[in-house]
Every structure is written in structure tokens, then in C-alpha cells.
Protein backbone atom coordinates (compact mmCIF):
# COMPACT_ATOMS: atom_id res chain seq x y z
CA UNK A 1 19.59 10.08 42.79
CA UNK A 2 16.72 8.00 41.48
CA UNK A 3 16.84 9.72 38.08
CA UNK A 4 20.60 9.12 37.84
CA UNK A 5 20.15 5.41 38.53
CA UNK A 6 17.42 5.20 35.91
CA UNK A 7 19.63 7.00 33.41
CA UNK A 8 22.52 4.65 34.17
CA UNK A 9 20.23 1.65 33.70
CA UNK A 10 19.11 2.89 30.28
CA UNK A 11 22.70 3.53 29.21
CA UNK A 12 23.70 0.04 30.30
CA UNK A 13 20.86 -1.34 28.17
CA UNK A 14 22.26 0.58 25.20
CA UNK A 15 25.83 -0.53 25.83
CA UNK A 16 25.74 -3.93 23.98
CA UNK A 17 24.18 -2.32 20.92
CA UNK A 18 26.67 0.56 20.98
CA UNK A 19 29.59 -1.89 21.24
CA UNK A 20 28.26 -3.89 18.29
CA UNK A 21 27.76 -0.67 16.32
CA UNK A 22 31.32 0.42 17.06
CA UNK A 23 32.82 -2.94 16.09
CA UNK A 24 30.83 -3.57 12.90
CA UNK A 25 30.15 -0.01 11.67
CA UNK A 26 32.72 2.45 13.04
CA UNK A 27 35.95 0.43 12.95
CA UNK A 28 35.42 -0.81 9.34
CA UNK A 29 35.19 2.82 8.19
CA UNK A 30 38.97 3.05 8.52
CA UNK A 31 39.13 0.65 5.58
CA UNK A 32 37.90 3.49 3.34
CA UNK A 33 41.57 4.48 3.02
CA UNK A 34 41.90 1.59 0.52
CA UNK A 35 40.08 3.78 -2.01
CA UNK A 36 43.26 5.86 -2.24
CA UNK A 37 45.66 2.90 -2.37
CA UNK A 38 46.59 0.02 -4.62
CA UNK A 39 45.64 -2.43 -1.91
CA UNK A 40 47.75 -5.57 -1.65
CA UNK A 41 46.29 -8.09 0.85
CA UNK A 42 49.74 -9.46 1.76
CA UNK A 43 50.95 -5.99 2.76
CA UNK A 44 47.76 -4.77 4.38
CA UNK A 45 46.46 -1.22 4.61
CA UNK A 46 49.64 0.20 6.16
CA UNK A 47 51.96 -1.41 3.60
CA UNK A 48 50.02 -0.89 0.37
CA UNK A 49 51.23 1.89 -1.97
CA UNK A 50 49.35 5.20 -2.09
CA UNK A 51 47.83 6.10 -5.49
CA UNK A 52 45.69 9.12 -4.58
CA UNK A 53 42.68 9.70 -6.83
CA UNK A 54 43.67 7.10 -9.44
CA UNK A 55 40.88 4.67 -8.53
CA UNK A 56 38.25 7.40 -8.88
CA UNK A 57 39.71 8.52 -12.22
CA UNK A 58 39.68 4.94 -13.47
CA UNK A 59 36.06 4.59 -12.38
CA UNK A 60 34.91 7.48 -14.58
CA UNK A 61 36.96 6.17 -17.49
CA UNK A 62 35.15 2.84 -17.55
CA UNK A 63 32.48 2.71 -20.28
CA UNK A 64 30.13 0.81 -17.93
CA UNK A 65 30.23 3.41 -15.13
CA UNK A 66 27.66 5.76 -16.68
CA UNK A 67 25.21 2.93 -17.38
CA UNK A 68 25.56 1.57 -13.84
CA UNK A 69 24.71 4.95 -12.31
CA UNK A 70 21.78 5.37 -14.70
CA UNK A 71 20.46 1.90 -13.81
CA UNK A 72 20.76 2.65 -10.10
CA UNK A 73 18.97 5.99 -10.30
CA UNK A 74 16.18 4.76 -12.62
CA UNK A 75 15.43 1.69 -10.49
CA UNK A 76 15.68 3.57 -7.18
CA UNK A 77 13.51 6.50 -8.32
CA UNK A 78 10.94 4.09 -9.75
CA UNK A 79 10.78 2.28 -6.42
CA UNK A 80 10.49 5.55 -4.50
CA UNK A 81 7.67 6.91 -6.67
CA UNK A 82 5.60 3.72 -6.69
CA UNK A 83 6.50 3.14 -3.05
CA UNK A 84 4.78 6.44 -2.22
CA UNK A 85 1.78 6.27 -4.56
CA UNK A 86 0.64 2.66 -4.03
CA UNK A 87 0.53 2.73 -0.18
CA UNK A 88 -1.35 6.04 -0.22
CA UNK A 89 -3.99 4.77 -2.65
CA UNK A 90 -4.33 1.44 -0.87
CA UNK A 91 -4.55 3.09 2.57
CA UNK A 92 -7.28 5.44 1.33
CA UNK A 93 -9.25 2.54 -0.13
CA UNK A 94 -8.81 0.41 2.98
CA UNK A 95 -9.80 3.35 5.18
CA UNK A 96 -13.19 3.43 3.48
CA UNK A 97 -13.91 -0.19 4.43
CA UNK A 98 -16.28 -0.39 7.38
CA UNK A 99 -16.05 -4.15 8.06
CA UNK A 100 -13.28 -4.29 10.67
CA UNK A 101 -12.57 -8.01 10.33
CA UNK A 102 -12.07 -7.75 6.57
CA UNK A 103 -9.99 -4.59 6.98
CA UNK A 104 -7.63 -6.14 9.55
CA UNK A 105 -7.31 -9.36 7.53
CA UNK A 106 -6.35 -7.54 4.33
CA UNK A 107 -3.95 -5.32 6.26
CA UNK A 108 -2.19 -8.37 7.71
CA UNK A 109 -1.98 -10.17 4.35
CA UNK A 110 -0.40 -7.25 2.48
CA UNK A 111 2.03 -6.66 5.36
CA UNK A 112 3.40 -10.23 5.41
CA UNK A 113 5.74 -9.96 2.35
CA UNK A 114 7.68 -7.21 4.15
CA UNK A 115 9.10 -9.85 6.52
CA UNK A 116 10.19 -12.24 3.78
CA UNK A 117 13.81 -12.35 2.67
CA UNK A 118 14.71 -11.63 -0.95
CA UNK A 119 16.51 -14.96 -0.99
CA UNK A 120 13.15 -16.68 -0.58
CA UNK A 121 11.21 -14.24 -2.74
CA UNK A 122 13.91 -14.34 -5.42
CA UNK A 123 13.48 -18.09 -5.76
CA UNK A 124 9.69 -17.76 -5.87
CA UNK A 125 9.74 -14.97 -8.45
CA UNK A 126 12.27 -16.84 -10.59
CA UNK A 127 9.88 -19.78 -10.73
CA UNK A 128 6.83 -17.59 -11.38
CA UNK A 129 8.40 -15.41 -14.12
CA UNK A 130 10.62 -18.04 -15.73
CA UNK A 131 10.03 -19.03 -19.35
CA UNK A 132 8.08 -22.10 -18.21
CA UNK A 133 6.59 -20.36 -15.19
CA UNK A 134 3.07 -19.51 -14.14
CA UNK A 135 2.92 -16.10 -15.81
CA UNK A 136 4.11 -17.38 -19.19
CA UNK A 137 1.72 -20.32 -19.00
CA UNK A 138 -1.09 -17.81 -18.50
CA UNK A 139 0.13 -15.72 -21.44
CA UNK A 140 0.20 -18.78 -23.66
CA UNK A 141 -3.30 -19.74 -22.49
CA UNK A 142 -4.51 -16.28 -23.53
CA UNK A 143 -2.93 -16.71 -26.96
CA UNK A 144 0.07 -14.46 -26.32
CA UNK A 145 3.77 -15.17 -26.77
CA UNK A 146 5.96 -16.21 -23.86
CA UNK A 147 8.30 -13.54 -22.48
CA UNK A 148 11.73 -14.07 -20.93
CA UNK A 149 11.15 -11.61 -18.08
CA UNK A 150 14.40 -12.34 -16.24
CA UNK A 151 16.53 -12.27 -19.39
CA UNK A 152 14.98 -9.25 -21.10
CA UNK A 153 16.46 -5.78 -20.76
CA UNK A 154 13.01 -4.41 -21.57
CA UNK A 155 11.17 -6.20 -18.77
CA UNK A 156 13.79 -6.56 -16.04
CA UNK A 157 13.64 -3.01 -14.61
CA UNK A 158 9.80 -2.90 -14.45
CA UNK A 159 9.88 -6.34 -12.82
CA UNK A 160 12.28 -5.10 -10.13
CA UNK A 161 10.21 -2.00 -9.41
CA UNK A 162 6.88 -3.86 -9.42
CA UNK A 163 8.01 -6.71 -7.15
CA UNK A 164 9.70 -4.36 -4.67
CA UNK A 165 6.54 -2.27 -4.46
CA UNK A 166 4.47 -5.41 -3.93
CA UNK A 167 6.77 -6.48 -1.11
CA UNK A 168 6.91 -3.17 0.75
CA UNK A 169 3.62 -1.35 0.15
CA UNK A 170 1.96 -3.11 3.09
CA UNK A 171 4.46 -1.50 5.46
CA UNK A 172 3.77 1.95 4.02
CA UNK A 173 0.04 1.32 4.19
CA UNK A 174 0.26 0.82 7.96
CA UNK A 175 2.03 4.17 8.35
CA UNK A 176 -0.66 6.00 6.40
CA UNK A 177 -3.47 4.18 8.20
CA UNK A 178 -1.92 5.30 11.50
CA UNK A 179 -1.85 8.87 10.17
CA UNK A 180 -5.51 8.57 9.17
CA UNK A 181 -6.50 7.76 12.74
CA UNK A 182 -5.30 11.21 13.85
CA UNK A 183 -7.94 12.97 11.72
CA UNK A 184 -10.82 14.30 13.81
CA UNK A 185 -14.01 12.30 12.99
CA UNK A 186 -16.12 15.41 13.55
CA UNK A 187 -14.69 16.85 10.34
CA UNK A 188 -16.32 14.04 8.37
CA UNK A 189 -19.60 14.54 10.23
CA UNK A 190 -19.60 18.26 9.47
CA UNK A 191 -18.76 17.62 5.81
CA UNK A 192 -21.58 15.07 5.55
CA UNK A 193 -24.05 17.58 6.99
CA UNK A 194 -22.91 20.06 4.35
CA UNK A 195 -23.69 17.51 1.63
CA UNK A 196 -20.16 16.30 0.84
CA UNK A 197 -20.04 12.76 -0.49
CA UNK A 198 -17.32 10.22 0.31
CA UNK A 199 -15.18 11.30 -2.65
CA UNK A 200 -15.23 14.98 -1.63
CA UNK A 201 -14.53 14.04 1.99
CA UNK A 202 -11.46 12.12 0.87
CA UNK A 203 -10.22 15.01 -1.29
CA UNK A 204 -10.81 17.80 1.20
CA UNK A 205 -10.34 16.07 4.57
CA UNK A 206 -8.48 12.77 4.29
CA UNK A 207 -5.72 13.76 1.87
CA UNK A 208 -4.95 17.11 3.59
CA UNK A 209 -4.93 15.25 6.91
CA UNK A 210 -2.16 12.87 5.86
CA UNK A 211 -0.31 15.37 3.65
CA UNK A 212 2.40 16.10 6.28
CA UNK A 213 3.10 12.35 6.50
CA UNK A 214 3.31 12.10 2.72
CA UNK A 215 5.75 15.01 2.58
CA UNK A 216 7.83 13.56 5.40
CA UNK A 217 8.16 10.09 3.85
CA UNK A 218 8.74 11.56 0.41
CA UNK A 219 11.57 13.83 1.52
CA UNK A 220 13.22 11.18 3.68
CA UNK A 221 13.20 8.76 0.75
CA UNK A 222 15.54 11.09 -1.19
CA UNK A 223 18.44 9.57 0.72
CA UNK A 224 17.75 6.25 -1.02
CA UNK A 225 18.20 7.53 -4.58
CA UNK A 226 21.42 5.51 -4.90
CA UNK A 227 20.06 2.48 -3.02
CA UNK A 228 18.34 0.39 -5.67
CA UNK A 229 18.21 -2.74 -3.48
CA UNK A 230 21.20 -5.05 -3.57
CA UNK A 231 19.39 -8.08 -2.10
CA UNK A 232 16.64 -8.01 -4.71
CA UNK A 233 18.84 -7.36 -7.74
CA UNK A 234 21.49 -9.86 -6.68
CA UNK A 235 18.91 -12.65 -6.34
CA UNK A 236 17.18 -11.90 -9.66
CA UNK A 237 19.73 -10.59 -12.14
CA UNK A 238 22.07 -12.42 -14.49
CA UNK A 239 24.69 -11.42 -17.12
CA UNK A 240 21.99 -11.08 -19.80
CA UNK A 241 20.44 -8.08 -18.02
CA UNK A 242 23.60 -6.30 -16.84
CA UNK A 243 22.80 -3.54 -19.32
CA UNK A 244 19.66 -2.46 -17.45
CA UNK A 245 19.87 -4.31 -14.12
CA UNK A 246 23.44 -3.88 -12.93
CA UNK A 247 23.53 -1.32 -10.09
CA UNK A 248 26.30 0.22 -8.01
CA UNK A 249 26.07 -2.33 -5.20
CA UNK A 250 26.17 -5.39 -7.46
CA UNK A 251 29.03 -3.87 -9.46
CA UNK A 252 31.00 -3.28 -6.24
CA UNK A 253 30.32 -6.87 -5.21
CA UNK A 254 31.68 -8.26 -8.47
CA UNK A 255 34.69 -5.95 -8.58
CA UNK A 256 35.63 -6.41 -4.94
CA UNK A 257 34.79 -9.98 -3.98
CA UNK A 258 34.90 -11.78 -7.33
CA UNK A 259 37.53 -9.86 -9.32
CA UNK A 260 39.46 -8.94 -6.14
CA UNK A 261 39.88 -5.29 -7.15
CA UNK A 262 39.55 -4.19 -3.54
CA UNK A 263 40.72 -0.59 -3.92
CA UNK A 264 38.56 0.07 -6.96
CA UNK A 265 35.46 -1.39 -5.29
CA UNK A 266 36.15 0.64 -2.15
CA UNK A 267 36.41 3.82 -4.22
CA UNK A 268 33.01 3.22 -5.81
CA UNK A 269 31.43 2.40 -2.47
CA UNK A 270 32.97 5.48 -0.84
CA UNK A 271 31.72 7.78 -3.56
CA UNK A 272 28.23 6.32 -3.25
CA UNK A 273 28.30 6.77 0.53
CA UNK A 274 29.37 10.42 0.25
CA UNK A 275 26.62 11.21 -2.27
CA UNK A 276 24.03 9.37 -0.15
CA UNK A 277 25.17 11.31 2.94
CA UNK A 278 24.66 14.61 1.12
CA UNK A 279 21.23 13.49 -0.09
CA UNK A 280 20.24 12.48 3.45
CA UNK A 281 21.21 15.92 4.77
CA UNK A 282 19.14 17.56 2.02
CA UNK A 283 16.18 15.28 2.74
CA UNK A 284 16.23 16.09 6.47
CA UNK A 285 16.43 19.80 5.66
CA UNK A 286 13.38 19.49 3.43
CA UNK A 287 11.55 17.37 6.01
CA UNK A 288 12.22 19.99 8.69
CA UNK A 289 11.06 22.80 6.40
CA UNK A 290 7.92 21.26 4.93
CA UNK A 291 6.85 18.65 7.51
CA UNK A 292 8.29 20.00 10.77
CA UNK A 293 10.32 16.82 11.28
CA UNK A 294 13.50 17.10 13.36
CA UNK A 295 15.70 14.54 15.09
CA UNK A 296 18.35 16.99 16.32
């Protein structure tokens, strides 16, 4: 009886969140039917004419569609790769620090940007990388030419990838530092007795010790291949960099909310969701196979 009461209490705690999830996530999914209609707001979903696959056909006929998908994949993959490498390297370096106060201070500092909104960071980065900003002032001081970072198709993608990595690598560092604590200290003591220096200890003990975590995070990140970061791009891009900075999410925003092509925008969003769902299934399969990670 006691266990049943406890179970009921836990389910009641979950109830508000489940209701919110149903209202804001489950019910809106019925709107996906607009992807197969020529949606007319005055007539609603039930009164709008059915057009089948026409919206999807039109999407592939647009000359910009290919470039948008390429932009999304390039930016997302760049973020995934750097988002794996930088936290690993930084965690390994920070793990070698023996001064606990310095270690905890640095860890806190690099973790802080994770909590900042891209609305705030977008304004800061716009000021820093603008033509009259801090970075260009430094370039001019060094005798170099000023660069229009936010209006250059050459620099915009690297800027997106670099700033996103800077914002999020502190969060990944904490995960790897937590994984490092699970390594048995006696392994390092034995290696030191055998004459292994710090570099060899890192190669043969530290890296193998966190390898399952690396594999797990790497495989799970596959589901984000089509998520290039709407918040960041939306707050930094402009029409001059549409060629290299326009991604699926920003394109859907412009088509749906600005140009009011609701059915077309829904079709693009639905296709992206389906592809992302397939990638997530593949990533969980890989995580279960290579890292022993299962959630069901």
C-alpha cells in the first residue's frame, strides 16, 4: 500500500508537466496536416483544399532549397565536431591542474556562457565583430585590414561555429570531468611506478577511461545534424549572408511567419522533423551498440 501511495505521489508530480507537454507539443502536431494542404487561415485546417505532395515538390524545385540544406548540414556538422573536440581537450588540460581553487574557478567561468541567451550574446557579438568593433580595431592596430565578419559569406559560417563552441564547451567539459572522476587513481599510481610520464598516462589511461563517454555523446549528437541553431543564426544573420548562413529553421520562419506561406513552411518543417527522427533512432542504435547506452 505504501509503495502504491508513493507511486501515485510521483505521478501527481509529473501531471502538470505532462499536461503542458500534451497541450504545447502533442496537440500542435495535428497542424502537420497543413503540409498537404493549401492552407487558408479564414477556412482553417478542415476547410482548406487538399493538395497532396505539391508543397514538397515545390520545395525541391526552388533554387535556394539545395543551398539551405547545405548550409544547415555544414554549420551543424562543424558545431558537432568542434563541440566534441574542444571540451575533450579542455577537460584533459583542466584535469592535469592540481590547484583546486584555480581549477574550480576556471570551470565556473567557462560554464557561465551556457546560461546566456543568444539574444544577449547576439548583441554582444554584433558589437565585438562589427566593422567598428573591438576585433577590427585590433586588426587595424596590427596593420591589417578591417573585415566585415557579419556581412561576409567567407567569415560568417566560421563565426557561427566558433561562437557556438565558445558558448557550449564549458557544459561539455563538465561532463568529461565527471567521467574522469570514475577512473581508478591506482591506475595512475601503477603507471607512474612503471615509468610512464603524464603524457603517456593521459594517452593510455585517461583517454581510454572516457572513451565510452566520447562515443556516447558523439553518437547522440547525430540527431542534431539538421539543427544548426535557430536562435544563434537568427540573431546574427542578415540578407547579405543568406548564401552561407540561411538554414532550414530561419527559412521556415521567413516563409511561414513573414511571407505567410503556412503550408509550404509546414512541409519544410515536417520533412526536417522526419529526417531528424530517423537520425535520432540511428544515433541511439549506435549508442547502444558501441557505448552500452539504452533508455528503453
